[in-house]
Amino acid sequence: MSEVGNRLKALRDGVKLSQGNIAEKVGMAQASVNRYEKGLAEAPYRVLMWYADYFDVSMDYIFGRCEQPQGKLYEYKPAFNADNEELQKFIEMCFDPTSTMSGRLKETLLKMMGGESK
């Protein structure tokens, strides 16, 4: 199997999609996906771009030039939404209220996402 084929398969497997599901989304035959994953054929540029966009990874990652899905020159900065109540509830659940450090860490995380400590 080629490195590109390995990466395409790993991306697909990572979200539990079948080759048929991917083929349908891209607009090609399942047999093509199979050939690309096994390294029996090279995926065309438009298919590789689709994978990069769909799985939010760089072409560097797909081509095996790096191990970071964001690419060699990408600096990952997660976007935080201060209004995300679900994330705030998750942060609240993660901390033991009896620990002195929990409060400080929780405050820091909430500040990072732009929210206030509760």
N, C-alpha and C. Protein backbone atom coordinates (compact mmCIF):
# COMPACT_ATOMS: atom_id res chain seq x y z
N MET A 1 0.84 -1.19 0.00
CA MET A 1 0.00 0.00 0.00
C MET A 1 0.88 1.25 0.00
N SER A 2 0.49 2.27 -0.71
CA SER A 2 1.24 3.51 -0.75
C SER A 2 0.94 4.34 0.49
N GLU A 3 1.79 5.30 0.78
CA GLU A 3 1.57 6.19 1.92
C GLU A 3 0.27 6.97 1.75
N VAL A 4 0.02 7.46 0.55
CA VAL A 4 -1.23 8.19 0.29
C VAL A 4 -2.42 7.26 0.52
N GLY A 5 -2.36 6.05 0.02
CA GLY A 5 -3.43 5.09 0.23
C GLY A 5 -3.67 4.80 1.70
N ASN A 6 -2.58 4.64 2.45
CA ASN A 6 -2.69 4.42 3.90
C ASN A 6 -3.41 5.58 4.58
N ARG A 7 -3.04 6.80 4.19
CA ARG A 7 -3.64 7.98 4.81
C ARG A 7 -5.13 8.09 4.45
N LEU A 8 -5.46 7.85 3.18
CA LEU A 8 -6.87 7.92 2.77
C LEU A 8 -7.71 6.89 3.53
N LYS A 9 -7.17 5.70 3.66
CA LYS A 9 -7.89 4.65 4.39
C LYS A 9 -8.03 5.01 5.87
N ALA A 10 -6.96 5.51 6.47
CA ALA A 10 -7.00 5.88 7.90
C ALA A 10 -8.01 6.99 8.15
N LEU A 11 -8.07 7.96 7.25
CA LEU A 11 -9.04 9.05 7.40
C LEU A 11 -10.46 8.50 7.33
N ARG A 12 -10.71 7.65 6.36
CA ARG A 12 -12.04 7.05 6.19
C ARG A 12 -12.40 6.19 7.39
N ASP A 13 -11.48 5.33 7.80
CA ASP A 13 -11.73 4.45 8.95
C ASP A 13 -11.94 5.25 10.23
N GLY A 14 -11.25 6.38 10.34
CA GLY A 14 -11.35 7.21 11.53
C GLY A 14 -12.74 7.74 11.81
N VAL A 15 -13.54 7.87 10.78
CA VAL A 15 -14.92 8.36 10.96
C VAL A 15 -15.94 7.27 10.64
N LYS A 16 -15.44 6.04 10.54
CA LYS A 16 -16.30 4.86 10.36
C LYS A 16 -17.19 4.94 9.12
N LEU A 17 -16.59 5.40 8.02
CA LEU A 17 -17.31 5.41 6.74
C LEU A 17 -16.81 4.25 5.88
N SER A 18 -17.70 3.68 5.11
CA SER A 18 -17.31 2.62 4.18
C SER A 18 -16.74 3.24 2.91
N GLN A 19 -16.08 2.41 2.13
CA GLN A 19 -15.59 2.89 0.84
C GLN A 19 -16.76 3.36 -0.02
N GLY A 20 -17.89 2.68 0.07
CA GLY A 20 -19.07 3.08 -0.68
C GLY A 20 -19.59 4.44 -0.26
N ASN A 21 -19.56 4.72 1.06
CA ASN A 21 -20.00 6.03 1.54
C ASN A 21 -19.12 7.14 0.97
N ILE A 22 -17.81 6.92 1.02
CA ILE A 22 -16.87 7.92 0.50
C ILE A 22 -17.09 8.10 -0.99
N ALA A 23 -17.20 7.00 -1.71
CA ALA A 23 -17.40 7.07 -3.17
C ALA A 23 -18.63 7.89 -3.51
N GLU A 24 -19.70 7.67 -2.77
CA GLU A 24 -20.94 8.41 -3.02
C GLU A 24 -20.75 9.90 -2.75
N LYS A 25 -20.06 10.23 -1.67
CA LYS A 25 -19.84 11.64 -1.32
C LYS A 25 -18.96 12.35 -2.36
N VAL A 26 -17.94 11.63 -2.85
CA VAL A 26 -17.02 12.22 -3.83
C VAL A 26 -17.62 12.21 -5.24
N GLY A 27 -18.48 11.24 -5.51
CA GLY A 27 -19.07 11.11 -6.83
C GLY A 27 -18.25 10.23 -7.74
N MET A 28 -17.83 9.08 -7.22
CA MET A 28 -17.06 8.13 -8.01
C MET A 28 -17.45 6.71 -7.59
N ALA A 29 -16.86 5.72 -8.21
CA ALA A 29 -17.17 4.33 -7.92
C ALA A 29 -16.42 3.85 -6.68
N GLN A 30 -17.03 2.94 -5.94
CA GLN A 30 -16.39 2.36 -4.75
C GLN A 30 -15.09 1.66 -5.13
N ALA A 31 -15.07 1.05 -6.30
CA ALA A 31 -13.86 0.36 -6.76
C ALA A 31 -12.68 1.33 -6.88
N SER A 32 -12.96 2.58 -7.23
CA SER A 32 -11.90 3.58 -7.33
C SER A 32 -11.31 3.87 -5.96
N VAL A 33 -12.18 4.03 -4.97
CA VAL A 33 -11.71 4.26 -3.60
C VAL A 33 -10.83 3.09 -3.16
N ASN A 34 -11.26 1.89 -3.45
CA ASN A 34 -10.50 0.70 -3.10
C ASN A 34 -9.10 0.72 -3.74
N ARG A 35 -9.06 1.05 -5.03
CA ARG A 35 -7.76 1.09 -5.74
C ARG A 35 -6.86 2.17 -5.16
N TYR A 36 -7.41 3.34 -4.81
CA TYR A 36 -6.59 4.42 -4.24
C TYR A 36 -6.03 3.99 -2.88
N GLU A 37 -6.87 3.38 -2.05
CA GLU A 37 -6.44 2.98 -0.72
C GLU A 37 -5.40 1.88 -0.77
N LYS A 38 -5.49 0.99 -1.75
CA LYS A 38 -4.52 -0.11 -1.87
C LYS A 38 -3.28 0.28 -2.65
N GLY A 39 -3.24 1.50 -3.16
CA GLY A 39 -2.08 1.96 -3.91
C GLY A 39 -2.00 1.37 -5.31
N LEU A 40 -3.12 0.86 -5.81
CA LEU A 40 -3.14 0.29 -7.16
C LEU A 40 -3.35 1.35 -8.22
N ALA A 41 -3.82 2.51 -7.79
CA ALA A 41 -4.02 3.65 -8.70
C ALA A 41 -3.78 4.92 -7.91
N GLU A 42 -3.39 5.97 -8.60
CA GLU A 42 -3.19 7.26 -7.95
C GLU A 42 -4.48 8.07 -8.02
N ALA A 43 -4.87 8.59 -6.87
CA ALA A 43 -6.09 9.41 -6.82
C ALA A 43 -5.83 10.72 -7.55
N PRO A 44 -6.79 11.19 -8.34
CA PRO A 44 -6.62 12.48 -9.02
C PRO A 44 -6.62 13.63 -8.00
N TYR A 45 -6.08 14.72 -8.45
CA TYR A 45 -5.94 15.91 -7.60
C TYR A 45 -7.28 16.31 -6.99
N ARG A 46 -8.36 16.32 -7.75
CA ARG A 46 -9.65 16.76 -7.22
C ARG A 46 -10.13 15.86 -6.09
N VAL A 47 -9.82 14.57 -6.16
CA VAL A 47 -10.20 13.63 -5.10
C VAL A 47 -9.37 13.89 -3.85
N LEU A 48 -8.07 14.11 -4.02
CA LEU A 48 -7.21 14.40 -2.88
C LEU A 48 -7.62 15.71 -2.20
N MET A 49 -7.98 16.70 -3.00
CA MET A 49 -8.46 17.96 -2.44
C MET A 49 -9.77 17.75 -1.68
N TRP A 50 -10.64 16.89 -2.20
CA TRP A 50 -11.89 16.60 -1.51
C TRP A 50 -11.60 15.99 -0.14
N TYR A 51 -10.69 15.01 -0.09
CA TYR A 51 -10.31 14.40 1.19
C TYR A 51 -9.77 15.45 2.15
N ALA A 52 -8.88 16.30 1.67
CA ALA A 52 -8.29 17.34 2.53
C ALA A 52 -9.37 18.26 3.09
N ASP A 53 -10.30 18.66 2.26
CA ASP A 53 -11.38 19.55 2.71
C ASP A 53 -12.35 18.82 3.63
N TYR A 54 -12.76 17.65 3.26
CA TYR A 54 -13.77 16.91 4.03
C TYR A 54 -13.25 16.54 5.42
N PHE A 55 -12.00 16.09 5.50
CA PHE A 55 -11.43 15.66 6.77
C PHE A 55 -10.63 16.77 7.47
N ASP A 56 -10.59 17.95 6.85
CA ASP A 56 -9.89 19.10 7.41
C ASP A 56 -8.44 18.78 7.75
N VAL A 57 -7.74 18.25 6.76
CA VAL A 57 -6.31 17.95 6.89
C VAL A 57 -5.57 18.62 5.74
N SER A 58 -4.26 18.71 5.88
CA SER A 58 -3.46 19.32 4.82
C SER A 58 -3.07 18.28 3.77
N MET A 59 -2.69 18.77 2.62
CA MET A 59 -2.17 17.88 1.58
C MET A 59 -0.83 17.31 2.03
N ASP A 60 -0.05 18.06 2.81
CA ASP A 60 1.19 17.53 3.38
C ASP A 60 0.91 16.24 4.15
N TYR A 61 -0.14 16.25 4.94
CA TYR A 61 -0.51 15.07 5.72
C TYR A 61 -0.90 13.92 4.81
N ILE A 62 -1.74 14.18 3.83
CA ILE A 62 -2.18 13.13 2.91
C ILE A 62 -0.99 12.50 2.18
N PHE A 63 -0.02 13.32 1.79
CA PHE A 63 1.14 12.82 1.06
C PHE A 63 2.22 12.24 1.97
N GLY A 64 1.98 12.25 3.28
CA GLY A 64 2.94 11.66 4.21
C GLY A 64 4.16 12.52 4.48
N ARG A 65 4.07 13.81 4.19
CA ARG A 65 5.20 14.70 4.42
C ARG A 65 5.33 15.10 5.88
N CYS A 66 4.27 14.85 6.67
CA CYS A 66 4.29 15.18 8.08
C CYS A 66 3.30 14.27 8.81
N GLU A 67 3.41 14.24 10.10
CA GLU A 67 2.50 13.43 10.91
C GLU A 67 1.37 14.27 11.50
N GLN A 68 1.47 15.57 11.37
CA GLN A 68 0.44 16.46 11.89
C GLN A 68 -0.61 16.70 10.81
N PRO A 69 -1.89 16.39 11.11
CA PRO A 69 -2.92 16.58 10.08
C PRO A 69 -3.02 18.02 9.58
N GLN A 70 -2.56 18.99 10.36
CA GLN A 70 -2.67 20.38 9.94
C GLN A 70 -1.57 20.79 8.96
N GLY A 71 -0.55 19.98 8.80
CA GLY A 71 0.50 20.30 7.84
C GLY A 71 1.77 20.80 8.50
N LYS A 72 2.78 21.00 7.69
CA LYS A 72 4.10 21.39 8.20
C LYS A 72 4.14 22.83 8.71
N LEU A 73 3.43 23.73 8.07
CA LEU A 73 3.55 25.14 8.40
C LEU A 73 2.32 25.70 9.11
N TYR A 74 1.42 24.85 9.47
CA TYR A 74 0.16 25.27 10.07
C TYR A 74 0.29 25.35 11.58
N GLU A 75 -0.12 26.46 12.14
CA GLU A 75 -0.12 26.59 13.59
C GLU A 75 -1.56 26.49 14.06
N TYR A 76 -1.87 25.41 14.72
CA TYR A 76 -3.25 25.15 15.12
C TYR A 76 -3.66 26.05 16.28
N LYS A 77 -4.77 26.75 16.09
CA LYS A 77 -5.34 27.58 17.14
C LYS A 77 -6.83 27.29 17.17
N PRO A 78 -7.26 26.51 18.16
CA PRO A 78 -8.69 26.18 18.19
C PRO A 78 -9.55 27.41 18.41
N ALA A 79 -10.67 27.43 17.75
CA ALA A 79 -11.61 28.54 17.91
C ALA A 79 -12.51 28.24 19.09
N PHE A 80 -12.64 29.20 19.96
CA PHE A 80 -13.50 29.05 21.12
C PHE A 80 -14.70 29.96 20.97
N ASN A 81 -15.82 29.45 21.37
CA ASN A 81 -17.05 30.22 21.32
C ASN A 81 -17.51 30.44 22.75
N ALA A 82 -17.49 31.69 23.21
CA ALA A 82 -17.84 32.01 24.58
C ALA A 82 -19.28 31.64 24.91
N ASP A 83 -20.12 31.52 23.91
CA ASP A 83 -21.53 31.21 24.13
C ASP A 83 -21.83 29.71 24.11
N ASN A 84 -20.80 28.88 24.00
CA ASN A 84 -20.99 27.45 23.91
C ASN A 84 -21.26 26.88 25.31
N GLU A 85 -22.54 26.76 25.65
CA GLU A 85 -22.93 26.28 26.97
C GLU A 85 -22.53 24.83 27.19
N GLU A 86 -22.57 24.02 26.14
CA GLU A 86 -22.21 22.61 26.28
C GLU A 86 -20.74 22.46 26.69
N LEU A 87 -19.85 23.25 26.08
CA LEU A 87 -18.44 23.20 26.44
C LEU A 87 -18.23 23.70 27.86
N GLN A 88 -18.95 24.72 28.27
CA GLN A 88 -18.83 25.23 29.64
C GLN A 88 -19.29 24.16 30.64
N LYS A 89 -20.36 23.45 30.34
CA LYS A 89 -20.83 22.38 31.23
C LYS A 89 -19.80 21.27 31.31
N PHE A 90 -19.18 20.95 30.18
CA PHE A 90 -18.15 19.92 30.16
C PHE A 90 -16.98 20.31 31.07
N ILE A 91 -16.54 21.55 30.96
CA ILE A 91 -15.43 22.03 31.79
C ILE A 91 -15.82 21.95 33.26
N GLU A 92 -17.03 22.34 33.58
CA GLU A 92 -17.50 22.28 34.97
C GLU A 92 -17.43 20.85 35.50
N MET A 93 -17.81 19.87 34.68
CA MET A 93 -17.84 18.47 35.11
C MET A 93 -16.45 17.89 35.32
N CYS A 94 -15.44 18.46 34.68
CA CYS A 94 -14.10 17.90 34.70
C CYS A 94 -13.33 18.18 35.99
N PHE A 95 -13.83 19.03 36.82
CA PHE A 95 -13.03 19.47 37.95
C PHE A 95 -13.64 19.09 39.30
N ASP A 96 -12.77 18.65 40.19
CA ASP A 96 -13.15 18.30 41.55
C ASP A 96 -13.22 19.60 42.36
N PRO A 97 -14.37 19.94 42.87
CA PRO A 97 -14.52 21.21 43.59
C PRO A 97 -13.70 21.28 44.88
N THR A 98 -13.22 20.15 45.38
CA THR A 98 -12.43 20.16 46.62
C THR A 98 -10.95 20.45 46.37
N SER A 99 -10.52 20.37 45.13
CA SER A 99 -9.11 20.62 44.81
C SER A 99 -8.85 22.11 44.66
N THR A 100 -7.73 22.58 45.24
CA THR A 100 -7.39 24.00 45.13
C THR A 100 -6.96 24.37 43.71
N MET A 101 -6.38 23.44 42.98
CA MET A 101 -5.91 23.73 41.62
C MET A 101 -7.05 23.67 40.60
N SER A 102 -8.08 22.93 40.90
CA SER A 102 -9.19 22.80 39.95
C SER A 102 -9.79 24.15 39.61
N GLY A 103 -9.99 24.97 40.61
CA GLY A 103 -10.58 26.29 40.38
C GLY A 103 -9.73 27.15 39.46
N ARG A 104 -8.43 27.14 39.69
CA ARG A 104 -7.52 27.95 38.86
C ARG A 104 -7.50 27.44 37.42
N LEU A 105 -7.43 26.13 37.26
CA LEU A 105 -7.40 25.56 35.91
C LEU A 105 -8.73 25.82 35.19
N LYS A 106 -9.81 25.65 35.90
CA LYS A 106 -11.12 25.91 35.31
C LYS A 106 -11.24 27.37 34.88
N GLU A 107 -10.81 28.29 35.73
CA GLU A 107 -10.84 29.72 35.38
C GLU A 107 -10.03 29.99 34.12
N THR A 108 -8.86 29.40 34.04
CA THR A 108 -8.00 29.60 32.88
C THR A 108 -8.68 29.10 31.61
N LEU A 109 -9.26 27.90 31.66
CA LEU A 109 -9.94 27.37 30.48
C LEU A 109 -11.12 28.23 30.07
N LEU A 110 -11.88 28.67 31.04
CA LEU A 110 -13.04 29.52 30.72
C LEU A 110 -12.60 30.87 30.12
N LYS A 111 -11.50 31.41 30.64
CA LYS A 111 -10.98 32.68 30.09
C LYS A 111 -10.51 32.46 28.65
N MET A 112 -9.88 31.30 28.40
CA MET A 112 -9.40 31.01 27.05
C MET A 112 -10.55 30.96 26.06
N MET A 113 -11.70 30.46 26.49
CA MET A 113 -12.83 30.39 25.58
C MET A 113 -13.67 31.65 25.62
N GLY A 114 -13.23 32.64 26.39
CA GLY A 114 -13.90 33.93 26.39
C GLY A 114 -15.06 34.03 27.35
N GLY A 115 -15.23 33.03 28.22
CA GLY A 115 -16.34 33.04 29.17
C GLY A 115 -15.89 33.49 30.54
N GLU A 116 -16.83 33.55 31.43
CA GLU A 116 -16.56 33.94 32.80
C GLU A 116 -16.64 32.72 33.69
N SER A 117 -15.90 32.73 34.77
CA SER A 117 -15.95 31.66 35.75
C SER A 117 -17.25 31.72 36.51
N LYS A 118 -17.83 30.54 36.75
CA LYS A 118 -19.10 30.49 37.46
C LYS A 118 -18.88 30.02 38.86
